[in-house]
C-alpha cells in the first residue's frame, strides 16, 4: 500500500499549530489571581500588621506595592485620612494621581518644545495712590509656527522650595516664529496678603533668596493646534 508521508507531515503540523494556539488562548483567558489583601481596609489597629502582610503576599505585584507605598507616604502628615480606605483604594488613587501628573509633565514638556520663558525683573509702582507690582519677562518662540496665545503662572519660591506667591500671566499677543518679545504684567498690590508682603520684602531686600519659575498652562499656535492643561 502506498504511504502518503507528505500528508502525515501536514496533519502533524496542523495538530501542532492547533495545540499551540489552544495553549496560548487558554493561558490568555486565565484570570490573574488577585490578592484578598487588596480589599482589606486600614484601621489604627491593623495598620502595621497590614503593612507586614503586604510584604509576604506573593499575589501583590511589585508595582502595587510601590503604588501602595507612595499612597501611604502621601498621607504621612494626615495618617487618619488613610483609615477606612482599602489597600486597593489607595493604590487606585495613587495610580490616578500619577497618570494625571504624567500627562501634566508631558504637556508641559510639549509647550517647552515651542517656547522659552525668561524672568527679567520686578518693580513696584504707585498710580493715583494705589500700589502695583510690575513683572517683566521675555517669551521666545523657538518653533516654526507663530504663537497666538500663551498662558501660565509666574511662581516665586523660597530657597526651601516653598511657594510664596503665584501670578497668572495671559499673553494674547502674537509672537512670531523664531522671535522673542518682552512683556510686562501689572498686578494691584494686595496689602493684606501676608505672602505677597513677604515676597515684596524679599524682592526689595534680598532677591537672591527668591527662586522664580514659569509654569506654562496653555499654548496656541497660528495653525490652530493648542495644549490646555486646565481643560477638563
N, C-alpha and C. Protein backbone atom coordinates (compact mmCIF):
# COMPACT_ATOMS: atom_id res chain seq x y z
N UNK A 1 0.86 -1.20 0.00
CA UNK A 1 0.00 0.00 0.00
C UNK A 1 0.89 1.24 0.00
N UNK A 2 0.48 2.24 -0.78
CA UNK A 2 1.27 3.47 -0.89
C UNK A 2 1.03 4.34 0.34
N UNK A 3 2.14 4.79 0.98
CA UNK A 3 2.04 5.61 2.19
C UNK A 3 2.29 7.08 1.85
N UNK A 4 1.34 7.93 2.16
CA UNK A 4 1.46 9.36 1.85
C UNK A 4 2.15 10.08 3.00
N UNK A 5 3.50 10.11 2.94
CA UNK A 5 4.27 10.71 4.02
C UNK A 5 4.03 12.22 4.13
N UNK A 6 3.86 12.88 2.97
CA UNK A 6 3.63 14.33 2.98
C UNK A 6 2.35 14.69 3.68
N UNK A 7 1.30 13.88 3.47
CA UNK A 7 0.01 14.13 4.13
C UNK A 7 0.12 14.03 5.62
N UNK A 8 0.86 12.99 6.10
CA UNK A 8 1.05 12.81 7.55
C UNK A 8 1.78 13.99 8.16
N UNK A 9 2.78 14.50 7.47
CA UNK A 9 3.53 15.63 7.99
C UNK A 9 2.66 16.88 8.10
N UNK A 10 1.82 17.08 7.09
CA UNK A 10 0.91 18.22 7.14
C UNK A 10 -0.07 18.08 8.29
N UNK A 11 -0.55 16.85 8.51
CA UNK A 11 -1.50 16.61 9.60
C UNK A 11 -0.85 16.91 10.94
N UNK A 12 0.39 16.42 11.13
CA UNK A 12 1.10 16.67 12.39
C UNK A 12 1.36 18.16 12.57
N UNK A 13 1.66 18.84 11.46
CA UNK A 13 1.93 20.27 11.52
C UNK A 13 0.70 21.05 11.99
N UNK A 14 -0.45 20.73 11.42
CA UNK A 14 -1.68 21.42 11.79
C UNK A 14 -2.11 21.08 13.21
N UNK A 15 -1.86 19.83 13.62
CA UNK A 15 -2.17 19.45 15.02
C UNK A 15 -1.30 20.26 15.98
N UNK A 16 -0.02 20.43 15.64
CA UNK A 16 0.89 21.20 16.49
C UNK A 16 0.45 22.66 16.58
N UNK A 17 0.10 23.23 15.42
CA UNK A 17 -0.36 24.62 15.40
C UNK A 17 -1.63 24.78 16.22
N UNK A 18 -2.56 23.84 16.08
CA UNK A 18 -3.82 23.88 16.83
C UNK A 18 -3.54 23.81 18.33
N UNK A 19 -2.64 22.90 18.71
CA UNK A 19 -2.33 22.73 20.13
C UNK A 19 -1.70 23.99 20.72
N UNK A 20 -0.76 24.60 19.98
CA UNK A 20 -0.11 25.81 20.48
C UNK A 20 -1.09 26.98 20.57
N UNK A 21 -1.96 27.07 19.57
CA UNK A 21 -2.97 28.14 19.58
C UNK A 21 -3.91 27.98 20.76
N UNK A 22 -4.33 26.73 21.01
CA UNK A 22 -5.21 26.44 22.14
C UNK A 22 -4.52 26.79 23.45
N UNK A 23 -3.23 26.45 23.54
CA UNK A 23 -2.49 26.72 24.78
C UNK A 23 -2.39 28.21 25.04
N UNK A 24 -2.08 28.97 23.98
CA UNK A 24 -1.97 30.43 24.13
C UNK A 24 -3.30 31.03 24.55
N UNK A 25 -4.38 30.60 23.89
CA UNK A 25 -5.71 31.13 24.23
C UNK A 25 -6.10 30.74 25.64
N UNK A 26 -5.77 29.51 26.03
CA UNK A 26 -6.13 29.03 27.36
C UNK A 26 -5.42 29.84 28.44
N UNK A 27 -4.11 30.03 28.24
CA UNK A 27 -3.34 30.80 29.22
C UNK A 27 -3.80 32.25 29.25
N UNK A 28 -4.09 32.80 28.04
CA UNK A 28 -4.53 34.19 27.96
C UNK A 28 -5.87 34.43 28.62
N UNK A 29 -6.70 33.41 28.61
CA UNK A 29 -8.04 33.57 29.17
C UNK A 29 -8.08 33.36 30.68
N UNK A 30 -6.98 32.83 31.21
CA UNK A 30 -6.96 32.62 32.65
C UNK A 30 -6.92 33.96 33.37
N UNK A 31 -7.78 34.16 34.27
CA UNK A 31 -7.82 35.42 35.01
C UNK A 31 -6.68 35.45 36.03
N UNK A 32 -6.01 36.58 36.05
CA UNK A 32 -4.94 36.75 37.02
C UNK A 32 -5.52 36.76 38.43
N UNK A 33 -4.94 35.93 39.26
CA UNK A 33 -5.42 35.89 40.63
C UNK A 33 -5.04 37.18 41.35
N UNK A 34 -5.99 37.72 42.07
CA UNK A 34 -5.72 38.93 42.85
C UNK A 34 -5.72 38.60 44.33
N UNK A 35 -4.97 39.37 45.05
CA UNK A 35 -4.84 39.12 46.49
C UNK A 35 -6.07 39.61 47.25
N UNK A 36 -6.61 38.77 48.15
CA UNK A 36 -7.72 39.21 49.01
C UNK A 36 -7.31 40.40 49.89
N UNK A 37 -6.00 40.56 50.07
CA UNK A 37 -5.49 41.63 50.90
C UNK A 37 -5.83 43.01 50.34
N UNK A 38 -6.05 43.07 49.03
CA UNK A 38 -6.36 44.36 48.40
C UNK A 38 -7.67 44.95 48.90
N UNK A 39 -8.55 44.09 49.37
CA UNK A 39 -9.86 44.56 49.84
C UNK A 39 -9.89 44.87 51.33
N UNK A 40 -8.78 44.60 52.00
CA UNK A 40 -8.74 44.90 53.44
C UNK A 40 -8.59 46.39 53.67
N UNK A 41 -9.30 46.90 54.68
CA UNK A 41 -9.26 48.33 54.98
C UNK A 41 -8.27 48.59 56.12
N UNK A 42 -7.60 49.71 56.01
CA UNK A 42 -6.66 50.10 57.05
C UNK A 42 -7.41 50.69 58.24
N UNK A 43 -6.97 50.32 59.41
CA UNK A 43 -7.52 50.88 60.65
C UNK A 43 -6.35 51.18 61.58
N UNK A 44 -6.58 51.95 62.64
CA UNK A 44 -5.49 52.20 63.60
C UNK A 44 -5.00 50.90 64.24
N UNK A 45 -5.86 49.90 64.30
CA UNK A 45 -5.50 48.65 64.95
C UNK A 45 -4.69 47.70 64.06
N UNK A 46 -4.92 47.76 62.73
CA UNK A 46 -4.26 46.77 61.87
C UNK A 46 -3.21 47.39 60.93
N UNK A 47 -2.92 48.66 61.09
CA UNK A 47 -2.07 49.38 60.15
C UNK A 47 -0.72 48.68 59.93
N UNK A 48 0.04 48.48 61.01
CA UNK A 48 1.36 47.87 60.87
C UNK A 48 1.26 46.40 60.48
N UNK A 49 0.24 45.73 60.97
CA UNK A 49 0.05 44.33 60.62
C UNK A 49 -0.21 44.18 59.12
N UNK A 50 -1.01 45.09 58.58
CA UNK A 50 -1.35 45.04 57.16
C UNK A 50 -0.11 45.31 56.30
N UNK A 51 0.72 46.24 56.75
CA UNK A 51 1.97 46.52 56.03
C UNK A 51 2.84 45.27 56.00
N UNK A 52 2.89 44.54 57.10
CA UNK A 52 3.66 43.31 57.16
C UNK A 52 3.10 42.23 56.25
N UNK A 53 1.78 42.17 56.15
CA UNK A 53 1.14 41.17 55.27
C UNK A 53 1.47 41.43 53.80
N UNK A 54 1.53 42.70 53.44
CA UNK A 54 1.84 43.05 52.05
C UNK A 54 3.20 42.48 51.65
N UNK A 55 4.15 42.54 52.57
CA UNK A 55 5.49 42.03 52.29
C UNK A 55 5.48 40.55 51.95
N UNK A 56 4.62 39.79 52.61
CA UNK A 56 4.62 38.33 52.44
C UNK A 56 3.67 37.84 51.34
N UNK A 57 2.81 38.72 50.87
CA UNK A 57 1.79 38.31 49.90
C UNK A 57 2.37 38.27 48.49
N UNK A 58 2.54 37.08 47.95
CA UNK A 58 3.14 36.94 46.62
C UNK A 58 2.18 37.29 45.49
N UNK A 59 0.88 37.45 45.79
CA UNK A 59 -0.09 37.81 44.76
C UNK A 59 -0.10 39.31 44.48
N UNK A 60 0.48 40.09 45.38
CA UNK A 60 0.56 41.53 45.18
C UNK A 60 1.81 41.82 44.36
N UNK A 61 1.65 42.54 43.26
CA UNK A 61 2.77 42.81 42.37
C UNK A 61 3.69 43.89 42.94
N UNK A 62 4.90 43.95 42.39
CA UNK A 62 5.86 44.97 42.81
C UNK A 62 5.31 46.37 42.53
N UNK A 63 4.59 46.51 41.39
CA UNK A 63 4.00 47.81 41.06
C UNK A 63 2.96 48.22 42.09
N UNK A 64 2.13 47.26 42.51
CA UNK A 64 1.10 47.56 43.50
C UNK A 64 1.71 47.94 44.84
N UNK A 65 2.79 47.26 45.22
CA UNK A 65 3.47 47.60 46.48
C UNK A 65 4.02 49.02 46.40
N UNK A 66 4.62 49.35 45.26
CA UNK A 66 5.22 50.67 45.09
C UNK A 66 4.15 51.76 45.13
N UNK A 67 3.00 51.50 44.48
CA UNK A 67 1.90 52.47 44.48
C UNK A 67 1.31 52.61 45.88
N UNK A 68 1.18 51.49 46.57
CA UNK A 68 0.65 51.50 47.94
C UNK A 68 1.59 52.30 48.84
N UNK A 69 2.89 52.08 48.68
CA UNK A 69 3.89 52.80 49.48
C UNK A 69 3.80 54.31 49.24
N UNK A 70 3.70 54.71 47.95
CA UNK A 70 3.60 56.14 47.63
C UNK A 70 2.32 56.74 48.17
N UNK A 71 1.23 55.95 48.08
CA UNK A 71 -0.06 56.42 48.58
C UNK A 71 -0.05 56.64 50.08
N UNK A 72 0.57 55.72 50.79
CA UNK A 72 0.70 55.86 52.25
C UNK A 72 1.56 57.08 52.58
N UNK A 73 2.66 57.23 51.84
CA UNK A 73 3.55 58.35 52.08
C UNK A 73 2.88 59.69 51.85
N UNK A 74 1.93 59.73 50.91
CA UNK A 74 1.22 60.97 50.62
C UNK A 74 0.40 61.45 51.82
N UNK A 75 0.02 60.51 52.67
CA UNK A 75 -0.78 60.85 53.86
C UNK A 75 0.06 60.88 55.14
N UNK A 76 1.38 60.97 54.98
CA UNK A 76 2.26 60.86 56.15
C UNK A 76 1.96 61.89 57.24
N UNK A 77 1.48 63.07 56.83
CA UNK A 77 1.16 64.10 57.83
C UNK A 77 -0.32 64.09 58.23
N UNK A 78 -1.09 63.21 57.59
CA UNK A 78 -2.53 63.13 57.89
C UNK A 78 -2.93 61.66 57.93
N UNK A 79 -2.27 60.90 58.78
CA UNK A 79 -2.44 59.44 58.77
C UNK A 79 -3.89 59.02 59.00
N UNK A 80 -4.65 59.81 59.74
CA UNK A 80 -6.05 59.45 59.99
C UNK A 80 -6.86 59.36 58.69
N UNK A 81 -6.43 60.09 57.67
CA UNK A 81 -7.14 60.06 56.39
C UNK A 81 -6.97 58.73 55.66
N UNK A 82 -6.00 57.94 56.08
CA UNK A 82 -5.78 56.62 55.48
C UNK A 82 -6.81 55.60 55.95
N UNK A 83 -7.24 55.77 57.16
CA UNK A 83 -8.08 54.75 57.78
C UNK A 83 -9.45 54.65 57.11
N UNK A 84 -9.94 53.44 57.06
CA UNK A 84 -11.21 53.08 56.40
C UNK A 84 -11.09 53.08 54.87
N UNK A 85 -9.87 53.24 54.36
CA UNK A 85 -9.63 53.04 52.93
C UNK A 85 -9.01 51.66 52.73
N UNK A 86 -9.43 50.98 51.67
CA UNK A 86 -8.84 49.67 51.39
C UNK A 86 -7.49 49.86 50.71
N UNK A 87 -6.70 48.80 50.73
CA UNK A 87 -5.40 48.83 50.05
C UNK A 87 -5.61 49.16 48.57
N UNK A 88 -6.63 48.57 47.97
CA UNK A 88 -6.92 48.81 46.55
C UNK A 88 -7.30 50.26 46.29
N UNK A 89 -8.09 50.85 47.19
CA UNK A 89 -8.49 52.24 47.01
C UNK A 89 -7.27 53.17 47.02
N UNK A 90 -6.34 52.89 47.90
CA UNK A 90 -5.13 53.71 47.98
C UNK A 90 -4.29 53.54 46.73
N UNK A 91 -4.18 52.30 46.26
CA UNK A 91 -3.41 52.02 45.04
C UNK A 91 -4.05 52.70 43.83
N UNK A 92 -5.37 52.57 43.69
CA UNK A 92 -6.08 53.16 42.54
C UNK A 92 -5.98 54.68 42.56
N UNK A 93 -6.09 55.26 43.74
CA UNK A 93 -5.99 56.71 43.86
C UNK A 93 -4.60 57.19 43.45
N UNK A 94 -3.59 56.47 43.90
CA UNK A 94 -2.22 56.84 43.56
C UNK A 94 -1.96 56.68 42.06
N UNK A 95 -2.52 55.62 41.48
CA UNK A 95 -2.34 55.39 40.05
C UNK A 95 -2.99 56.53 39.23
N UNK A 96 -4.17 56.99 39.68
CA UNK A 96 -4.86 58.09 39.00
C UNK A 96 -4.06 59.39 39.11
N UNK A 97 -3.53 59.65 40.30
CA UNK A 97 -2.74 60.86 40.51
C UNK A 97 -1.48 60.85 39.65
N UNK A 98 -0.86 59.69 39.57
CA UNK A 98 0.37 59.58 38.76
C UNK A 98 0.08 59.75 37.28
N UNK A 99 -1.03 59.19 36.85
CA UNK A 99 -1.40 59.33 35.44
C UNK A 99 -1.62 60.81 35.10
N UNK A 100 -2.32 61.50 35.99
CA UNK A 100 -2.57 62.92 35.79
C UNK A 100 -1.26 63.70 35.76
N UNK A 101 -0.36 63.40 36.71
CA UNK A 101 0.91 64.11 36.77
C UNK A 101 1.77 63.81 35.56
N UNK A 102 1.71 62.58 35.09
CA UNK A 102 2.47 62.21 33.89
C UNK A 102 2.00 63.00 32.68
N UNK A 103 0.66 63.18 32.59
CA UNK A 103 0.14 63.97 31.47
C UNK A 103 0.57 65.43 31.60
N UNK A 104 0.51 65.96 32.82
CA UNK A 104 0.93 67.36 33.04
C UNK A 104 2.38 67.54 32.61
N UNK A 105 3.23 66.58 32.99
CA UNK A 105 4.64 66.66 32.60
C UNK A 105 4.80 66.60 31.09
N UNK A 106 4.04 65.71 30.46
CA UNK A 106 4.10 65.57 29.00
C UNK A 106 3.67 66.87 28.32
N UNK A 107 2.53 67.43 28.74
CA UNK A 107 2.01 68.65 28.12
C UNK A 107 2.95 69.83 28.36
N UNK A 108 3.50 69.92 29.58
CA UNK A 108 4.45 70.99 29.90
C UNK A 108 5.68 70.90 29.01
N UNK A 109 6.21 69.69 28.85
CA UNK A 109 7.39 69.50 28.01
C UNK A 109 7.08 69.83 26.55
N UNK A 110 5.84 69.54 26.12
CA UNK A 110 5.45 69.86 24.75
C UNK A 110 5.44 71.37 24.53
N UNK A 111 4.94 72.12 25.52
CA UNK A 111 4.93 73.58 25.41
C UNK A 111 6.36 74.12 25.37
N UNK A 112 7.22 73.53 26.19
CA UNK A 112 8.62 73.97 26.24
C UNK A 112 9.34 73.70 24.92
N UNK A 113 8.86 72.71 24.16
CA UNK A 113 9.44 72.43 22.84
C UNK A 113 9.21 73.60 21.87
N UNK A 114 8.24 74.45 22.18
CA UNK A 114 7.89 75.55 21.29
C UNK A 114 8.23 76.93 21.86
N UNK A 115 8.49 77.00 23.15
CA UNK A 115 8.69 78.33 23.74
C UNK A 115 9.68 78.27 24.91
N UNK A 116 10.24 79.42 25.19
CA UNK A 116 11.10 79.60 26.36
C UNK A 116 10.63 80.85 27.12
N UNK A 117 10.78 80.80 28.43
CA UNK A 117 10.35 81.91 29.27
C UNK A 117 11.55 82.38 30.10
N UNK A 118 11.74 83.70 30.17
CA UNK A 118 12.81 84.27 30.99
C UNK A 118 12.24 85.38 31.86
N UNK A 119 12.45 85.26 33.16
CA UNK A 119 12.03 86.31 34.09
C UNK A 119 13.08 87.40 34.10
N UNK A 120 12.64 88.65 33.89
CA UNK A 120 13.60 89.76 33.78
C UNK A 120 13.62 90.68 35.00
N UNK A 121 12.56 90.71 35.79
CA UNK A 121 12.62 91.55 36.97
C UNK A 121 11.28 92.03 37.48
N UNK A 122 11.35 92.78 38.58
CA UNK A 122 10.16 93.30 39.27
C UNK A 122 10.41 94.73 39.70
N UNK A 123 9.34 95.53 39.70
CA UNK A 123 9.43 96.86 40.28
C UNK A 123 8.07 97.26 40.82
N UNK A 124 8.04 97.95 41.95
CA UNK A 124 6.77 98.46 42.49
C UNK A 124 6.49 99.84 41.89
N UNK A 125 5.23 100.10 41.62
CA UNK A 125 4.85 101.44 41.15
C UNK A 125 3.62 101.90 41.91
N UNK A 126 3.36 103.20 41.86
CA UNK A 126 2.18 103.76 42.51
C UNK A 126 1.46 104.65 41.52
N UNK A 127 0.15 104.41 41.36
CA UNK A 127 -0.66 105.20 40.44
C UNK A 127 -1.88 105.73 41.20
N UNK A 128 -1.98 107.04 41.29
CA UNK A 128 -3.12 107.67 41.98
C UNK A 128 -3.32 107.10 43.38
N UNK A 129 -2.22 106.90 44.08
CA UNK A 129 -2.30 106.43 45.46
C UNK A 129 -2.44 104.92 45.61
N UNK A 130 -2.58 104.20 44.51
CA UNK A 130 -2.69 102.73 44.57
C UNK A 130 -1.35 102.11 44.18
N UNK A 131 -1.01 101.03 44.89
CA UNK A 131 0.27 100.35 44.65
C UNK A 131 0.08 99.16 43.71
N UNK A 132 1.10 98.97 42.86
CA UNK A 132 1.06 97.87 41.90
C UNK A 132 2.42 97.18 41.85
N UNK A 133 2.38 95.90 41.48
CA UNK A 133 3.61 95.15 41.22
C UNK A 133 3.71 94.92 39.72
N UNK A 134 4.84 95.27 39.15
CA UNK A 134 5.06 95.11 37.72
C UNK A 134 6.16 94.07 37.49
N UNK A 135 5.83 93.03 36.74
CA UNK A 135 6.81 91.97 36.43
C UNK A 135 7.14 92.02 34.95
N UNK A 136 8.42 91.96 34.66
CA UNK A 136 8.90 91.98 33.28
C UNK A 136 9.48 90.61 32.95
N UNK A 137 9.17 90.13 31.74
CA UNK A 137 9.63 88.81 31.33
C UNK A 137 9.70 88.75 29.81
N UNK A 138 10.46 87.78 29.31
CA UNK A 138 10.63 87.62 27.88
C UNK A 138 10.19 86.21 27.47
N UNK A 139 9.40 86.13 26.43
CA UNK A 139 8.97 84.84 25.89
C UNK A 139 9.58 84.68 24.49
N UNK A 140 10.29 83.57 24.29
CA UNK A 140 10.90 83.28 23.00
C UNK A 140 10.11 82.19 22.29
N UNK A 141 9.86 82.41 21.03
CA UNK A 141 9.20 81.40 20.19
C UNK A 141 10.30 80.67 19.42
N UNK A 142 10.59 79.43 19.82
CA UNK A 142 11.68 78.68 19.19
C UNK A 142 11.15 77.72 18.12
N UNK A 143 9.89 77.89 17.76
CA UNK A 143 9.27 76.98 16.79
C UNK A 143 9.21 77.62 15.39
N UNK A 144 8.64 76.89 14.45
CA UNK A 144 8.47 77.39 13.09
C UNK A 144 7.07 77.91 12.84
N UNK A 145 6.26 77.95 13.92
CA UNK A 145 4.90 78.50 13.83
C UNK A 145 4.77 79.71 14.74
N UNK A 146 3.92 80.65 14.36
CA UNK A 146 3.63 81.77 15.24
C UNK A 146 2.85 81.28 16.46
N UNK A 147 3.14 81.86 17.61
CA UNK A 147 2.37 81.58 18.82
C UNK A 147 1.32 82.68 18.95
N UNK A 148 0.05 82.28 18.99
CA UNK A 148 -1.04 83.26 19.09
C UNK A 148 -1.40 83.58 20.54
N UNK A 149 -1.18 82.60 21.42
CA UNK A 149 -1.56 82.82 22.82
C UNK A 149 -0.76 81.89 23.72
N UNK A 150 -0.33 82.41 24.85
CA UNK A 150 0.35 81.58 25.85
C UNK A 150 -0.04 82.06 27.24
N UNK A 151 -0.30 81.11 28.12
CA UNK A 151 -0.75 81.45 29.48
C UNK A 151 -0.03 80.54 30.47
N UNK A 152 0.09 81.03 31.69
CA UNK A 152 0.71 80.22 32.72
C UNK A 152 0.83 80.99 34.02
N UNK A 153 1.66 80.48 34.92
CA UNK A 153 1.85 81.10 36.23
C UNK A 153 3.31 81.47 36.45
N UNK A 154 3.54 82.70 36.85
CA UNK A 154 4.85 83.14 37.30
C UNK A 154 4.90 82.83 38.80
N UNK A 155 5.78 81.92 39.19
CA UNK A 155 5.79 81.43 40.57
C UNK A 155 7.08 81.84 41.29
N UNK A 156 6.91 82.22 42.55
CA UNK A 156 8.05 82.63 43.38
C UNK A 156 8.16 81.69 44.58
N UNK A 157 9.35 81.10 44.73
CA UNK A 157 9.59 80.14 45.79
C UNK A 157 10.71 80.62 46.71
N UNK A 158 10.71 80.11 47.93
CA UNK A 158 11.84 80.32 48.83
C UNK A 158 12.94 79.34 48.45
N UNK A 159 14.11 79.51 49.03
CA UNK A 159 15.21 78.58 48.77
C UNK A 159 14.90 77.18 49.30
N UNK A 160 13.89 77.07 50.17
CA UNK A 160 13.47 75.77 50.68
C UNK A 160 12.35 75.16 49.83
N UNK A 161 12.14 75.76 48.65
CA UNK A 161 11.16 75.26 47.70
C UNK A 161 9.72 75.39 48.19
N UNK A 162 9.45 76.40 48.99
CA UNK A 162 8.09 76.69 49.44
C UNK A 162 7.53 77.82 48.59
N UNK A 163 6.33 77.60 48.04
CA UNK A 163 5.71 78.61 47.20
C UNK A 163 5.31 79.82 48.02
N UNK A 164 5.76 80.99 47.59
CA UNK A 164 5.38 82.24 48.26
C UNK A 164 4.15 82.84 47.59
N UNK A 165 4.24 82.97 46.26
CA UNK A 165 3.17 83.65 45.53
C UNK A 165 3.22 83.24 44.07
N UNK A 166 2.05 83.18 43.44
CA UNK A 166 1.97 82.87 42.02
C UNK A 166 1.05 83.89 41.34
N UNK A 167 1.43 84.33 40.16
CA UNK A 167 0.64 85.31 39.40
C UNK A 167 0.28 84.72 38.05
N UNK A 168 -0.97 84.88 37.68
CA UNK A 168 -1.44 84.37 36.40
C UNK A 168 -1.00 85.31 35.27
N UNK A 169 -0.35 84.74 34.28
CA UNK A 169 0.12 85.51 33.13
C UNK A 169 -0.68 85.10 31.90
N UNK A 170 -1.27 86.06 31.20
CA UNK A 170 -2.01 85.80 29.97
C UNK A 170 -1.44 86.68 28.86
N UNK A 171 -0.86 86.05 27.86
CA UNK A 171 -0.31 86.78 26.72
C UNK A 171 -1.12 86.44 25.49
N UNK A 172 -1.89 87.40 24.99
CA UNK A 172 -2.73 87.19 23.82
C UNK A 172 -2.16 87.90 22.59
N UNK A 173 -0.89 88.15 22.64
CA UNK A 173 -0.20 88.85 21.53
C UNK A 173 0.62 87.85 20.74
N UNK A 174 0.57 87.96 19.42
CA UNK A 174 1.29 87.02 18.57
C UNK A 174 2.81 87.18 18.73
N UNK A 175 3.47 86.04 18.90
CA UNK A 175 4.93 86.01 18.94
C UNK A 175 5.38 85.25 17.69
N UNK A 176 6.05 85.94 16.80
CA UNK A 176 6.42 85.37 15.51
C UNK A 176 7.42 84.21 15.68
N UNK A 177 7.36 83.29 14.75
CA UNK A 177 8.27 82.15 14.76
C UNK A 177 9.72 82.61 14.79
N UNK A 178 10.51 82.03 15.69
CA UNK A 178 11.92 82.36 15.77
C UNK A 178 12.25 83.67 16.44
N UNK A 179 11.23 84.37 16.97
CA UNK A 179 11.47 85.67 17.59
C UNK A 179 11.18 85.61 19.09
N UNK A 180 11.60 86.66 19.79
CA UNK A 180 11.31 86.79 21.22
C UNK A 180 10.73 88.17 21.48
N UNK A 181 9.89 88.25 22.51
CA UNK A 181 9.23 89.51 22.85
C UNK A 181 9.25 89.69 24.36
N UNK A 182 9.53 90.91 24.80
CA UNK A 182 9.49 91.22 26.22
C UNK A 182 8.13 91.79 26.58
N UNK A 183 7.60 91.34 27.71
CA UNK A 183 6.28 91.77 28.16
C UNK A 183 6.36 92.29 29.59
N UNK A 184 5.32 93.04 29.96
CA UNK A 184 5.14 93.46 31.35
C UNK A 184 3.72 93.13 31.78
N UNK A 185 3.59 92.60 32.99
CA UNK A 185 2.27 92.34 33.56
C UNK A 185 2.18 93.10 34.89
N UNK A 186 1.06 93.81 35.06
CA UNK A 186 0.88 94.65 36.24
C UNK A 186 -0.24 94.10 37.10
N UNK A 187 0.02 93.98 38.40
CA UNK A 187 -0.96 93.45 39.35
C UNK A 187 -1.12 94.43 40.51
N UNK A 188 -2.37 94.70 40.86
CA UNK A 188 -2.62 95.57 42.01
C UNK A 188 -2.10 94.89 43.27
N UNK A 189 -1.38 95.63 44.08
CA UNK A 189 -0.80 95.08 45.31
C UNK A 189 -1.91 94.70 46.29
N UNK A 190 -1.78 93.53 46.88
CA UNK A 190 -2.73 93.08 47.90
C UNK A 190 -2.07 93.28 49.26
N UNK A 191 -2.31 94.42 49.85
CA UNK A 191 -1.58 94.82 51.07
C UNK A 191 -1.99 94.02 52.30
N UNK A 192 -3.05 93.24 52.20
CA UNK A 192 -3.44 92.38 53.32
C UNK A 192 -3.02 90.93 53.11
N UNK A 193 -2.34 90.68 52.00
CA UNK A 193 -1.89 89.33 51.69
C UNK A 193 -0.49 89.14 52.27
N UNK A 194 -0.38 88.31 53.31
CA UNK A 194 0.89 88.12 54.00
C UNK A 194 1.96 87.53 53.09
N UNK A 195 1.56 86.64 52.19
CA UNK A 195 2.53 86.04 51.27
C UNK A 195 3.10 87.08 50.31
N UNK A 196 2.22 87.96 49.85
CA UNK A 196 2.69 89.00 48.93
C UNK A 196 3.59 89.99 49.65
N UNK A 197 3.25 90.32 50.88
CA UNK A 197 4.10 91.22 51.66
C UNK A 197 5.48 90.62 51.86
N UNK A 198 5.52 89.30 52.09
CA UNK A 198 6.80 88.61 52.26
C UNK A 198 7.60 88.65 50.96
N UNK A 199 6.91 88.41 49.84
CA UNK A 199 7.58 88.41 48.56
C UNK A 199 8.18 89.78 48.26
N UNK A 200 7.40 90.83 48.46
CA UNK A 200 7.88 92.19 48.19
C UNK A 200 9.09 92.51 49.07
N UNK A 201 9.03 92.10 50.31
CA UNK A 201 10.14 92.34 51.24
C UNK A 201 11.42 91.65 50.74
N UNK A 202 11.26 90.38 50.31
CA UNK A 202 12.42 89.63 49.83
C UNK A 202 12.96 90.21 48.52
N UNK A 203 12.06 90.60 47.61
CA UNK A 203 12.50 91.16 46.34
C UNK A 203 13.22 92.50 46.54
N UNK A 204 12.84 93.25 47.57
CA UNK A 204 13.48 94.53 47.85
C UNK A 204 14.83 94.33 48.54
N UNK A 205 14.83 93.46 49.57
CA UNK A 205 16.00 93.36 50.45
C UNK A 205 16.99 92.27 50.05
N UNK A 206 16.49 91.16 49.54
CA UNK A 206 17.38 90.04 49.23
C UNK A 206 16.82 89.19 48.10
N UNK A 207 16.80 89.71 46.89
CA UNK A 207 16.18 88.99 45.77
C UNK A 207 16.85 87.65 45.45
N UNK A 208 18.10 87.47 45.88
CA UNK A 208 18.79 86.20 45.62
C UNK A 208 18.20 85.02 46.40
N UNK A 209 17.35 85.32 47.37
CA UNK A 209 16.73 84.25 48.15
C UNK A 209 15.39 83.82 47.55
N UNK A 210 15.04 84.42 46.42
CA UNK A 210 13.77 84.09 45.75
C UNK A 210 14.07 83.30 44.47
N UNK A 211 13.43 82.16 44.35
CA UNK A 211 13.59 81.29 43.18
C UNK A 211 12.34 81.46 42.30
N UNK A 212 12.54 81.84 41.04
CA UNK A 212 11.42 82.14 40.14
C UNK A 212 11.29 81.04 39.09
N UNK A 213 10.05 80.55 38.91
CA UNK A 213 9.80 79.53 37.88
C UNK A 213 8.60 79.92 37.03
N UNK A 214 8.53 79.35 35.85
CA UNK A 214 7.42 79.55 34.93
C UNK A 214 6.68 78.23 34.80
N UNK A 215 5.38 78.26 35.06
CA UNK A 215 4.56 77.06 34.93
C UNK A 215 3.57 77.27 33.78
N UNK A 216 3.91 76.82 32.58
CA UNK A 216 3.01 77.02 31.43
C UNK A 216 1.74 76.20 31.55
N UNK A 217 0.62 76.77 31.15
CA UNK A 217 -0.66 76.09 31.25
C UNK A 217 -1.39 75.99 29.91
N UNK A 218 -1.04 76.88 28.98
CA UNK A 218 -1.78 76.92 27.71
C UNK A 218 -0.89 77.50 26.63
N UNK A 219 -0.95 76.89 25.45
CA UNK A 219 -0.25 77.43 24.30
C UNK A 219 -1.06 77.15 23.05
N UNK A 220 -1.21 78.18 22.22
CA UNK A 220 -1.97 78.03 20.97
C UNK A 220 -1.14 78.57 19.81
N UNK A 221 -1.05 77.76 18.76
CA UNK A 221 -0.29 78.16 17.57
C UNK A 221 -1.20 78.77 16.52
N UNK A 222 -0.59 79.41 15.52
CA UNK A 222 -1.38 80.06 14.48
C UNK A 222 -2.09 79.06 13.57
N UNK A 223 -1.67 77.78 13.62
CA UNK A 223 -2.34 76.76 12.79
C UNK A 223 -3.50 76.08 13.52
N UNK A 224 -3.84 76.60 14.71
CA UNK A 224 -4.99 76.08 15.45
C UNK A 224 -4.65 75.03 16.48
N UNK A 225 -3.43 74.48 16.44
CA UNK A 225 -3.05 73.49 17.44
C UNK A 225 -2.90 74.15 18.80
N UNK A 226 -3.29 73.44 19.85
CA UNK A 226 -3.17 74.00 21.19
C UNK A 226 -2.98 72.91 22.22
N UNK A 227 -2.42 73.31 23.35
CA UNK A 227 -2.32 72.45 24.52
C UNK A 227 -2.91 73.22 25.70
N UNK A 228 -3.84 72.60 26.40
CA UNK A 228 -4.53 73.25 27.52
C UNK A 228 -4.52 72.31 28.72
N UNK A 229 -3.68 72.64 29.70
CA UNK A 229 -3.55 71.79 30.88
C UNK A 229 -4.75 71.93 31.82
N UNK A 230 -5.55 72.97 31.64
CA UNK A 230 -6.69 73.20 32.52
C UNK A 230 -7.98 72.69 31.91
N UNK A 231 -7.90 72.13 30.73
CA UNK A 231 -9.09 71.60 30.06
C UNK A 231 -9.59 70.38 30.79
N UNK A 232 -10.87 70.33 31.06
CA UNK A 232 -11.47 69.20 31.79
C UNK A 232 -11.81 68.07 30.83
